[in-house]
Protein backbone atom coordinates (compact mmCIF):
# COMPACT_ATOMS: atom_id res chain seq x y z
CA UNK A 1 37.00 -25.06 -14.88
CA UNK A 2 34.02 -22.89 -14.04
CA UNK A 3 33.92 -19.76 -11.95
CA UNK A 4 31.14 -18.93 -9.59
CA UNK A 5 29.01 -16.03 -10.69
CA UNK A 6 29.00 -13.02 -8.37
CA UNK A 7 25.57 -13.10 -6.67
CA UNK A 8 25.61 -9.31 -6.31
CA UNK A 9 25.27 -8.91 -10.07
CA UNK A 10 22.11 -11.02 -10.05
CA UNK A 11 20.74 -9.04 -7.12
CA UNK A 12 21.34 -5.69 -8.83
CA UNK A 13 19.48 -6.98 -11.90
CA UNK A 14 16.53 -8.21 -9.84
CA UNK A 15 16.06 -5.07 -7.75
CA UNK A 16 15.48 -2.97 -10.88
CA UNK A 17 12.27 -4.87 -11.56
CA UNK A 18 11.45 -5.18 -7.85
CA UNK A 19 11.66 -1.40 -7.41
CA UNK A 20 9.29 -0.89 -10.33
CA UNK A 21 6.55 -3.19 -9.07
CA UNK A 22 6.62 -1.79 -5.52
CA UNK A 23 6.60 1.74 -6.93
CA UNK A 24 3.29 0.97 -8.58
CA UNK A 25 1.69 0.21 -5.21
CA UNK A 26 1.90 3.88 -4.19
CA UNK A 27 2.54 5.93 -7.35
CA UNK A 28 -1.15 5.91 -8.31
CA UNK A 29 -2.26 7.57 -5.05
CA UNK A 30 -1.60 11.14 -6.19
CA UNK A 31 -2.88 10.46 -9.72
CA UNK A 32 -6.38 9.33 -8.72
CA UNK A 33 -7.99 12.80 -8.95
CA UNK A 34 -6.54 13.32 -12.45
CA UNK A 35 -7.68 9.85 -13.55
CA UNK A 36 -11.16 10.49 -12.14
CA UNK A 37 -11.48 13.73 -14.12
CA UNK A 38 -9.96 12.49 -17.39
CA UNK A 39 -11.93 9.23 -17.53
CA UNK A 40 -15.17 10.83 -16.27
CA UNK A 41 -15.69 8.43 -13.38
CA UNK A 42 -16.33 8.60 -9.62
CA UNK A 43 -14.15 7.97 -6.59
CA UNK A 44 -15.52 4.49 -5.87
CA UNK A 45 -14.40 3.35 -9.33
CA UNK A 46 -11.06 5.13 -9.32
CA UNK A 47 -10.04 3.60 -5.98
CA UNK A 48 -10.33 0.22 -7.72
CA UNK A 49 -7.40 1.26 -9.91
CA UNK A 50 -5.30 0.66 -6.77
CA UNK A 51 -7.47 -2.05 -5.22
CA UNK A 52 -7.40 -4.28 -8.33
CA UNK A 53 -3.60 -4.18 -8.32
CA UNK A 54 -3.38 -5.01 -4.60
CA UNK A 55 -5.91 -7.81 -4.96
CA UNK A 56 -4.26 -9.65 -7.87
CA UNK A 57 -0.84 -9.01 -6.30
CA UNK A 58 -1.69 -10.42 -2.85
CA UNK A 59 -3.84 -13.45 -3.72
CA UNK A 60 -1.42 -15.53 -5.88
CA UNK A 61 1.80 -14.98 -3.84
CA UNK A 62 1.70 -18.32 -2.05
CA UNK A 63 1.41 -20.10 -5.40
CA UNK A 64 3.94 -18.00 -7.31
CA UNK A 65 6.58 -18.56 -4.64
CA UNK A 66 6.19 -22.30 -5.10
CA UNK A 67 6.29 -21.94 -8.90
CA UNK A 68 9.80 -20.55 -8.55
CA UNK A 69 10.90 -23.65 -6.64
CA UNK A 70 9.46 -25.94 -9.33
CA UNK A 71 10.31 -24.13 -12.57
CA UNK A 72 13.22 -21.92 -11.48
CA UNK A 73 13.07 -18.42 -10.02
CA UNK A 74 14.69 -16.84 -13.09
CA UNK A 75 12.08 -18.24 -15.47
CA UNK A 76 9.11 -17.20 -13.33
CA UNK A 77 10.63 -13.76 -12.73
CA UNK A 78 11.06 -13.16 -16.46
CA UNK A 79 7.50 -14.25 -17.23
CA UNK A 80 6.17 -11.95 -14.51
CA UNK A 81 8.30 -9.03 -15.72
CA UNK A 82 7.03 -9.46 -19.29
CA UNK A 83 3.41 -9.52 -18.07
CA UNK A 84 3.96 -6.47 -15.86
CA UNK A 85 5.65 -4.41 -18.59
CA UNK A 86 3.00 -5.22 -21.21
CA UNK A 87 0.23 -4.44 -18.71
CA UNK A 88 1.89 -1.08 -17.92
CA UNK A 89 1.63 -0.11 -21.59
CA UNK A 90 -2.01 -1.25 -21.55
CA UNK A 91 -2.67 0.95 -18.49
CA UNK A 92 -1.27 4.04 -20.16
CA UNK A 93 -3.31 3.45 -23.32
CA UNK A 94 -6.58 2.80 -21.45
CA UNK A 95 -9.45 5.01 -22.56
CA UNK A 96 -11.99 3.95 -19.93
CA UNK A 97 -11.96 3.24 -16.21
CA UNK A 98 -12.98 -0.38 -16.81
CA UNK A 99 -10.06 -0.98 -19.15
CA UNK A 100 -7.65 0.68 -16.71
CA UNK A 101 -8.86 -1.49 -13.81
CA UNK A 102 -8.45 -4.64 -15.96
CA UNK A 103 -4.94 -3.58 -16.97
CA UNK A 104 -4.02 -2.91 -13.34
CA UNK A 105 -5.26 -6.39 -12.42
CA UNK A 106 -2.92 -7.84 -15.06
CA UNK A 107 -0.08 -5.75 -13.60
CA UNK A 108 -0.77 -7.28 -10.19
CA UNK A 109 -0.46 -10.81 -11.58
CA UNK A 110 2.90 -9.92 -13.09
CA UNK A 111 4.08 -8.42 -9.81
CA UNK A 112 2.97 -11.54 -7.90
CA UNK A 113 5.03 -13.73 -10.21
CA UNK A 114 8.13 -11.56 -9.71
CA UNK A 115 8.23 -10.68 -6.02
CA UNK A 116 8.95 -14.03 -4.30
CA UNK A 117 11.69 -14.82 -6.79
CA UNK A 118 13.84 -11.88 -5.64
CA UNK A 119 13.93 -13.15 -2.06
CA UNK A 120 14.38 -16.75 -3.22
CA UNK A 121 17.46 -15.88 -5.31
CA UNK A 122 19.02 -14.06 -2.33
CA UNK A 123 18.29 -17.02 -0.06
CA UNK A 124 19.78 -19.49 -2.54
CA UNK A 125 22.92 -17.57 -3.58
CA UNK A 126 24.07 -15.82 -0.39
CA UNK A 127 25.21 -17.69 2.76
CA UNK A 128 23.14 -16.94 5.90
CA UNK A 129 25.90 -14.91 7.56
CA UNK A 130 26.24 -12.69 4.46
CA UNK A 131 22.56 -12.42 3.68
CA UNK A 132 21.97 -9.28 5.74
CA UNK A 133 24.02 -7.14 3.35
CA UNK A 134 22.06 -8.50 0.37
CA UNK A 135 18.78 -7.99 2.17
CA UNK A 136 20.01 -4.48 2.95
CA UNK A 137 19.93 -3.63 -0.72
CA UNK A 138 16.62 -5.52 -1.19
CA UNK A 139 15.09 -3.85 1.87
CA UNK A 140 16.38 -0.43 0.92
CA UNK A 141 14.72 -0.78 -2.47
CA UNK A 142 11.47 -1.97 -0.85
CA UNK A 143 11.36 0.91 1.58
CA UNK A 144 12.49 3.50 -0.96
CA UNK A 145 9.98 2.43 -3.61
CA UNK A 146 6.95 2.69 -1.33
CA UNK A 147 8.02 6.19 -0.30
CA UNK A 148 9.25 7.54 -3.66
CA UNK A 149 6.03 6.48 -5.43
CA UNK A 150 3.92 9.49 -4.42
CA UNK A 151 6.79 11.92 -5.13
CA UNK A 152 7.46 10.59 -8.63
CA UNK A 153 3.72 10.27 -9.25
CA UNK A 154 3.15 13.90 -8.34
CA UNK A 155 5.89 15.13 -10.67
CA UNK A 156 4.69 13.02 -13.62
CA UNK A 157 1.00 13.90 -13.15
CA UNK A 158 1.69 17.62 -12.75
CA UNK A 159 3.96 17.80 -15.82
CA UNK A 160 3.09 15.01 -18.27
CA UNK A 161 -0.28 13.53 -17.31
CA UNK A 162 -1.43 10.46 -15.37
CA UNK A 163 -0.69 8.08 -18.28
CA UNK A 164 3.03 8.58 -17.74
CA UNK A 165 3.04 6.93 -14.33
CA UNK A 166 2.47 3.75 -16.37
CA UNK A 167 4.38 4.56 -19.58
CA UNK A 168 7.58 5.10 -17.55
CA UNK A 169 7.52 1.40 -16.65
CA UNK A 170 7.92 0.26 -20.25
CA UNK A 171 11.58 1.26 -20.88
CA UNK A 172 12.48 0.34 -17.30
CA UNK A 173 10.84 -3.06 -17.75
CA UNK A 174 12.71 -3.72 -21.00
CA UNK A 175 16.03 -2.82 -19.37
CA UNK A 176 15.22 -4.95 -16.32
CA UNK A 177 14.37 -7.92 -18.60
CA UNK A 178 17.68 -7.66 -20.43
CA UNK A 179 19.65 -7.39 -17.18
CA UNK A 180 17.86 -10.42 -15.71
CA UNK A 181 18.50 -12.57 -18.80
CA UNK A 182 22.17 -11.58 -18.69
CA UNK A 183 23.00 -11.56 -14.97
CA UNK A 184 20.55 -13.80 -13.07
CA UNK A 185 21.78 -17.41 -12.92
CA UNK A 186 19.64 -20.41 -13.79
CA UNK A 187 19.32 -22.17 -10.44
CA UNK A 188 18.45 -25.81 -9.92
CA UNK A 189 14.79 -26.74 -9.59
CA UNK A 190 13.02 -29.19 -7.31
CA UNK A 191 10.61 -31.65 -8.89
CA UNK A 192 7.72 -30.65 -6.64
CA UNK A 193 4.29 -32.20 -6.90
CA UNK A 194 1.94 -29.26 -7.13
CA UNK A 195 -0.64 -29.15 -4.35
CA UNK A 196 -3.74 -28.36 -6.43
CA UNK A 197 -6.13 -28.61 -3.48
CA UNK A 198 -3.95 -26.20 -1.53
CA UNK A 199 -3.83 -23.83 -4.50
CA UNK A 200 -7.63 -23.84 -4.75
CA UNK A 201 -8.26 -23.39 -1.01
CA UNK A 202 -5.66 -20.64 -0.59
CA UNK A 203 -6.78 -18.83 -3.74
CA UNK A 204 -10.47 -18.82 -2.83
CA UNK A 205 -9.77 -17.93 0.80
CA UNK A 206 -7.37 -15.09 0.00
CA UNK A 207 -9.64 -13.71 -2.72
CA UNK A 208 -12.69 -13.61 -0.42
CA UNK A 209 -10.75 -12.18 2.51
CA UNK A 210 -8.85 -9.46 0.61
CA UNK A 211 -11.83 -8.47 -1.55
CA UNK A 212 -14.09 -8.28 1.52
CA UNK A 213 -11.63 -6.10 3.43
CA UNK A 214 -11.06 -3.79 0.46
CA UNK A 215 -14.78 -3.32 -0.21
CA UNK A 216 -15.86 -3.16 3.44
CA UNK A 217 -15.76 0.60 3.90
CA UNK A 218 -17.47 1.42 0.59
CA UNK A 219 -20.24 -1.07 1.43
CA UNK A 220 -20.67 0.30 4.99
CA UNK A 221 -19.52 -3.07 6.37
CA UNK A 222 -22.80 -4.70 5.44
CA UNK A 223 -23.79 -8.25 6.39
CA UNK A 224 -22.75 -9.42 2.92
CA UNK A 225 -19.24 -8.08 3.47
CA UNK A 226 -18.90 -9.78 6.85
CA UNK A 227 -20.17 -13.05 5.40
CA UNK A 228 -17.60 -12.79 2.61
CA UNK A 229 -14.78 -12.09 5.07
CA UNK A 230 -15.98 -14.94 7.29
CA UNK A 231 -16.05 -17.29 4.30
CA UNK A 232 -12.50 -16.25 3.39
CA UNK A 233 -11.24 -16.87 6.93
CA UNK A 234 -13.02 -20.26 7.01
CA UNK A 235 -11.41 -21.28 3.72
CA UNK A 236 -7.98 -20.29 5.02
CA UNK A 237 -8.56 -22.31 8.20
CA UNK A 238 -9.48 -25.30 6.03
CA UNK A 239 -6.36 -24.59 3.98
CA UNK A 240 -4.14 -24.69 7.09
CA UNK A 241 -5.75 -27.95 8.23
CA UNK A 242 -5.25 -29.40 4.74
CA UNK A 243 -1.59 -28.36 4.76
CA UNK A 244 -1.04 -29.92 8.18
CA UNK A 245 -2.54 -33.23 7.02
CA UNK A 246 -0.82 -33.23 3.63
CA UNK A 247 1.62 -36.16 3.66
CA UNK A 248 3.10 -35.23 0.30
CA UNK A 249 4.36 -31.75 -0.59
CA UNK A 250 2.07 -29.03 0.81
CA UNK A 251 1.90 -25.63 -0.85
CA UNK A 252 3.01 -24.03 2.45
CA UNK A 253 5.21 -26.33 4.53
CA UNK A 254 4.00 -25.53 8.06
CA UNK A 255 7.39 -26.68 9.32
CA UNK A 256 8.60 -23.21 8.30
CA UNK A 257 6.73 -21.77 11.27
CA UNK A 258 8.56 -24.03 13.70
CA UNK A 259 11.40 -21.57 13.24
CA UNK A 260 10.51 -18.94 15.83
CA UNK A 261 12.19 -16.09 14.00
CA UNK A 262 10.43 -16.88 10.72
CA UNK A 263 7.02 -16.90 12.42
CA UNK A 264 7.70 -13.66 14.29
CA UNK A 265 9.14 -12.00 11.16
CA UNK A 266 5.87 -12.66 9.36
CA UNK A 267 3.91 -11.00 12.17
CA UNK A 268 6.27 -8.02 12.16
CA UNK A 269 6.20 -7.52 8.37
CA UNK A 270 2.39 -7.66 8.38
CA UNK A 271 2.41 -4.86 10.97
CA UNK A 272 4.90 -2.93 8.85
CA UNK A 273 2.77 -3.27 5.70
CA UNK A 274 -0.35 -2.15 7.57
CA UNK A 275 1.39 0.81 9.20
CA UNK A 276 3.05 2.18 6.04
CA UNK A 277 -0.19 1.97 4.07
CA UNK A 278 -2.39 3.42 6.79
CA UNK A 279 -0.13 6.36 7.67
CA UNK A 280 -0.09 7.71 4.12
CA UNK A 281 -3.86 8.27 3.79
CA UNK A 282 -4.34 10.77 6.68
CA UNK A 283 -0.95 12.34 5.88
CA UNK A 284 -1.94 13.33 2.34
CA UNK A 285 -5.42 14.37 3.40
CA UNK A 286 -3.84 16.70 5.94
CA UNK A 287 -1.12 18.13 3.68
CA UNK A 288 -3.39 18.68 0.67
CA UNK A 289 -6.73 19.59 2.29
CA UNK A 290 -5.63 21.39 5.47
CA UNK A 291 -2.29 22.87 4.35
CA UNK A 292 -3.45 23.26 0.69
CA UNK A 293 -0.29 21.75 -0.84
CA UNK A 294 -0.07 20.40 -4.38
CA UNK A 295 0.39 16.63 -4.85
CA UNK A 296 4.08 17.12 -5.64
CA UNK A 297 4.74 19.42 -2.67
CA UNK A 298 2.89 17.18 -0.24
CA UNK A 299 4.84 14.16 -1.45
CA UNK A 300 8.14 16.04 -1.02
CA UNK A 301 7.40 16.41 2.70
CA UNK A 302 8.29 12.72 2.91
CA UNK A 303 11.47 13.12 0.84
CA UNK A 304 13.73 12.88 3.94
CA UNK A 305 12.10 9.56 4.77
CA UNK A 306 12.80 8.15 1.30
CA UNK A 307 16.34 9.55 1.02
CA UNK A 308 17.53 8.36 4.42
CA UNK A 309 16.00 4.92 3.94
CA UNK A 310 17.68 4.52 0.55
CA UNK A 311 21.12 5.61 1.74
CA UNK A 312 21.26 3.87 5.12
CA UNK A 313 19.47 0.56 4.42
CA UNK A 314 22.42 -1.16 2.62
CA UNK A 315 24.84 -0.17 5.40
CA UNK A 316 22.47 -1.21 8.17
CA UNK A 317 21.78 -4.50 6.38
CA UNK A 318 25.50 -5.27 6.28
CA UNK A 319 25.93 -4.41 9.97
CA UNK A 320 22.90 -6.52 10.92
CA UNK A 321 24.82 -9.73 10.09
CA UNK A 322 27.05 -9.08 13.10
CA UNK A 323 24.32 -8.09 15.59
CA UNK A 324 21.67 -10.04 17.52
CA UNK A 325 18.55 -10.46 15.32
CA UNK A 326 16.26 -8.59 17.68
CA UNK A 327 18.34 -5.42 18.07
CA UNK A 328 17.90 -3.39 14.87
CA UNK A 329 14.25 -4.26 14.08
CA UNK A 330 13.18 -3.46 17.64
CA UNK A 331 14.95 -0.10 17.50
CA UNK A 332 13.43 0.55 14.09
CA UNK A 333 9.86 -0.20 15.16
CA UNK A 334 10.24 1.98 18.29
CA UNK A 335 11.58 4.89 16.22
CA UNK A 336 8.89 4.47 13.58
CA UNK A 337 6.09 4.36 16.15
CA UNK A 338 7.54 7.48 17.77
CA UNK A 339 7.79 9.38 14.48
CA UNK A 340 4.21 8.47 13.49
CA UNK A 341 3.04 9.65 16.94
CA UNK A 342 4.86 12.93 16.23
CA UNK A 343 3.01 13.21 12.90
CA UNK A 344 -0.23 12.85 14.83
CA UNK A 345 0.75 15.56 17.31
CA UNK A 346 1.74 17.92 14.48
CA UNK A 347 -1.54 17.65 12.57
CA UNK A 348 -2.92 21.07 13.36
CA UNK A 349 -3.63 23.90 10.88
CA UNK A 350 -0.64 26.02 11.92
CA UNK A 351 2.09 23.57 12.98
CA UNK A 352 5.63 23.98 11.67
CA UNK A 353 6.38 21.99 8.53
CA UNK A 354 10.02 21.81 9.63
CA UNK A 355 9.06 19.38 12.39
CA UNK A 356 7.28 17.21 9.83
CA UNK A 357 10.54 16.99 7.88
CA UNK A 358 12.45 16.06 11.05
CA UNK A 359 9.91 13.35 11.94
CA UNK A 360 10.10 12.05 8.36
CA UNK A 361 13.89 11.82 8.63
CA UNK A 362 13.59 9.76 11.82
CA UNK A 363 11.02 7.55 10.09
CA UNK A 364 13.51 7.02 7.25
CA UNK A 365 16.16 5.73 9.64
CA UNK A 366 13.52 3.56 11.29
CA UNK A 367 12.54 2.02 7.94
CA UNK A 368 16.16 1.20 7.20
CA UNK A 369 16.42 -0.63 10.53
CA UNK A 370 13.32 -2.69 9.73
CA UNK A 371 13.12 -3.76 6.08
CA UNK A 372 16.49 -5.43 5.59
CA UNK A 373 17.15 -6.95 9.05
CA UNK A 374 13.61 -8.32 9.17
CA UNK A 375 13.88 -10.01 5.76
CA UNK A 376 17.34 -11.36 6.64
CA UNK A 377 16.05 -12.83 9.90
CA UNK A 378 13.03 -14.38 8.17
CA UNK A 379 15.15 -16.14 5.52
CA UNK A 380 18.18 -17.02 7.65
CA UNK A 381 17.22 -20.66 8.22
CA UNK A 382 15.18 -21.36 5.08
CA UNK A 383 16.32 -24.53 3.30
CA UNK A 384 17.01 -24.15 -0.41
CA UNK A 385 14.12 -26.40 -1.45
CA UNK A 386 11.65 -24.16 0.43
CA UNK A 387 13.12 -20.76 -0.43
CA UNK A 388 10.30 -19.90 -2.82
CA UNK A 389 7.60 -21.11 -0.45
CA UNK A 390 9.08 -19.10 2.44
CA UNK A 391 9.42 -15.98 0.30
CA UNK A 392 5.83 -16.40 -0.88
CA UNK A 393 4.53 -16.63 2.70
CA UNK A 394 6.57 -13.61 3.83
CA UNK A 395 5.40 -11.41 0.95
CA UNK A 396 1.80 -12.59 1.34
CA UNK A 397 1.69 -11.52 4.97
CA UNK A 398 3.15 -8.13 4.02
CA UNK A 399 0.53 -7.63 1.32
CA UNK A 400 -2.37 -8.75 3.51
CA UNK A 401 -1.11 -6.35 6.18
CA UNK A 402 -1.14 -3.53 3.61
CA UNK A 403 -4.72 -4.30 2.57
CA UNK A 404 -5.86 -4.50 6.22
CA UNK A 405 -4.16 -1.19 6.97
CA UNK A 406 -5.79 0.53 4.00
CA UNK A 407 -9.27 -0.70 4.94
CA UNK A 408 -8.85 0.05 8.64
CA UNK A 409 -7.60 3.62 8.20
CA UNK A 410 -10.38 4.50 5.75
CA UNK A 411 -13.02 3.27 8.20
CA UNK A 412 -11.34 5.02 11.14
CA UNK A 413 -11.07 8.39 9.36
CA UNK A 414 -14.77 8.24 8.48
CA UNK A 415 -15.63 7.39 12.10
CA UNK A 416 -13.45 10.18 13.56
CA UNK A 417 -14.91 12.74 11.13
CA UNK A 418 -18.39 11.80 12.36
CA UNK A 419 -17.26 11.88 16.01
CA UNK A 420 -15.86 15.38 15.50
CA UNK A 421 -19.19 16.61 14.17
CA UNK A 422 -18.35 16.68 10.47
CA UNK A 423 -20.61 13.83 9.38
CA UNK A 424 -20.08 12.64 5.81
CA UNK A 425 -17.62 15.17 4.43
CA UNK A 426 -16.91 13.10 1.37
CA UNK A 427 -15.34 9.83 0.32
CA UNK A 428 -12.37 8.61 2.25
CA UNK A 429 -9.88 6.55 0.29
CA UNK A 430 -6.43 6.46 -1.12
CA UNK A 431 -5.70 9.54 -3.13
CA UNK A 432 -9.17 11.05 -2.73
CA UNK A 433 -9.16 14.78 -3.26
CA UNK A 434 -10.99 16.99 -0.85
CA UNK A 435 -9.92 20.43 -2.08
CA UNK A 436 -9.57 23.48 0.19
CA UNK A 437 -11.66 23.22 3.34
CA UNK A 438 -14.06 25.86 4.66
CA UNK A 439 -12.21 27.72 7.46
CA UNK A 440 -14.85 26.85 10.05
CA UNK A 441 -14.18 23.10 9.88
CA UNK A 442 -10.39 23.04 9.53
CA UNK A 443 -9.76 22.49 13.25
CA UNK A 444 -12.23 19.59 13.51
CA UNK A 445 -10.95 18.03 10.29
CA UNK A 446 -7.33 18.22 11.51
CA UNK A 447 -8.32 16.69 14.84
CA UNK A 448 -10.03 13.75 13.12
CA UNK A 449 -6.94 13.08 10.99
CA UNK A 450 -4.64 13.45 14.01
CA UNK A 451 -6.65 10.90 15.95
CA UNK A 452 -6.68 8.51 12.98
CA UNK A 453 -2.87 8.70 12.74
CA UNK A 454 -2.61 6.97 16.10
CA UNK A 455 -3.77 3.72 14.46
CA UNK A 456 -0.52 3.09 12.50
CA UNK A 457 1.44 4.07 15.60
CA UNK A 458 -0.44 1.42 17.60
CA UNK A 459 0.03 -1.18 14.85
CA UNK A 460 3.79 -0.61 14.97
CA UNK A 461 3.80 -1.66 18.63
CA UNK A 462 3.00 -5.18 17.36
CA UNK A 463 6.25 -5.00 15.40
CA UNK A 464 8.13 -3.87 18.50
CA UNK A 465 6.87 -6.87 20.47
CA UNK A 466 7.48 -9.39 17.67
CA UNK A 467 11.03 -8.13 17.07
CA UNK A 468 11.88 -8.10 20.76
CA UNK A 469 11.01 -11.82 20.90
CA UNK A 470 13.55 -12.85 18.24
CA UNK A 471 16.18 -15.34 19.41
CA UNK A 472 19.81 -15.58 18.37
CA UNK A 473 20.57 -17.71 15.32
CA UNK A 474 23.12 -19.74 17.26
CA UNK A 475 23.42 -23.36 16.21
CA UNK A 476 20.20 -23.15 14.20
CA UNK A 477 22.15 -21.39 11.45
CA UNK A 478 23.79 -24.71 10.65
CA UNK A 479 20.41 -26.02 9.49
CA UNK A 480 20.25 -23.49 6.69
CA UNK A 481 21.48 -24.80 3.39
CA UNK A 482 24.70 -23.48 1.94
CA UNK A 483 24.37 -21.14 -1.02
CA UNK A 484 24.23 -22.77 -4.43
CA UNK A 485 27.24 -22.68 -6.65
CA UNK A 486 26.20 -21.56 -10.08
CA UNK A 487 28.15 -21.72 -13.29
CA UNK A 488 29.11 -18.28 -14.56
CA UNK A 489 28.15 -19.42 -18.04
CA UNK A 490 24.60 -20.36 -16.98
């Protein structure tokens, strides 16, 4: 007689690695000035330390999700974790900016292999009506990691040096690998035929689109950039047409989007990715350049956001199973848009920091209402055989949203600085250091950042609309496959 393995044990093992890879999306932001100085490079090169990671993370997600369906999510997760951990050591040992960028690109590939597998295991081991609680933990980790990154990064850079933001991943990665081998079950695989044409079209299209968006601002949105973006969009259109006509097994089964909630969840998570990424750039410019805070102190301003998200997300995820799908995400997006609008209003040279902490606390509750319920709604009706594909699509849209948000906010800040009479005050990008500002331009600089902060607030309105259009699961929940029974000895 066999006993069914507790799926919570597998989830706890997976979120250790998941937390680490999401942490690395934001932890580098506060380390960029130190990297730039130590490796004797310029801002355009150092921004690629982040961009290379985002690029190689976003582009393969559609494929890596499908790999989990074919070869087993545990196997692909372990391969990705090994690549990520080894690349982290390589990052810390890098002696040149070129080597560091290459190592970060390898990290991104490892992260892309890992991420869809976490959602796929949840989808395949938890029943739909219990999935919200599991997604609560998953979503809490996702929200917490993106917010804790700058705080931990600031502490490590200030006390040990920038290399340690990468070295710290090595012991964590080893522990995560051991936990996954021990606790994550070996799930059944589907003998999929791999859609090589789809892989090629999606890879080329995503690479051109994401690379074009990332490089757009640094290249002044030249004709070459627009042609590259246009080529990427065209390839993705051809990809969609190819998938629709594929009579075998397409890389992305378009039937997934017939589920209204899945389609709307993808739109909402793209808005969330764009908003979180874009709000951080003007925030740190303001706190460090206008209020003259250190990287660690400026990151701690968002501590209430991280703490409240981490503590409330599991509870909210559990409650979300019993509530209409639209309720919590809609509330969350409204609260988040309101808190980001408050950040914008507070961006003056002499505003009270206390109100920033209050707004950050509200944003933390908002994040908890979004991450878990949104992921639970997206995966509620996914059949087991398409769990990896669905997770790959969902994470791809989140990553593309993040890249779009990063590019858009950089361009907008530059435009608002010019509109406020400051012209080219320096490079605008993630983690760029501006240093103390001359007193005569502080007001104009604050105004430009305040105006730019309205962009993420506006983007969040898309999430409000998408969430409000969710429908009840109703009878459609019966279409979702039952969770797999796995042997505890597997």
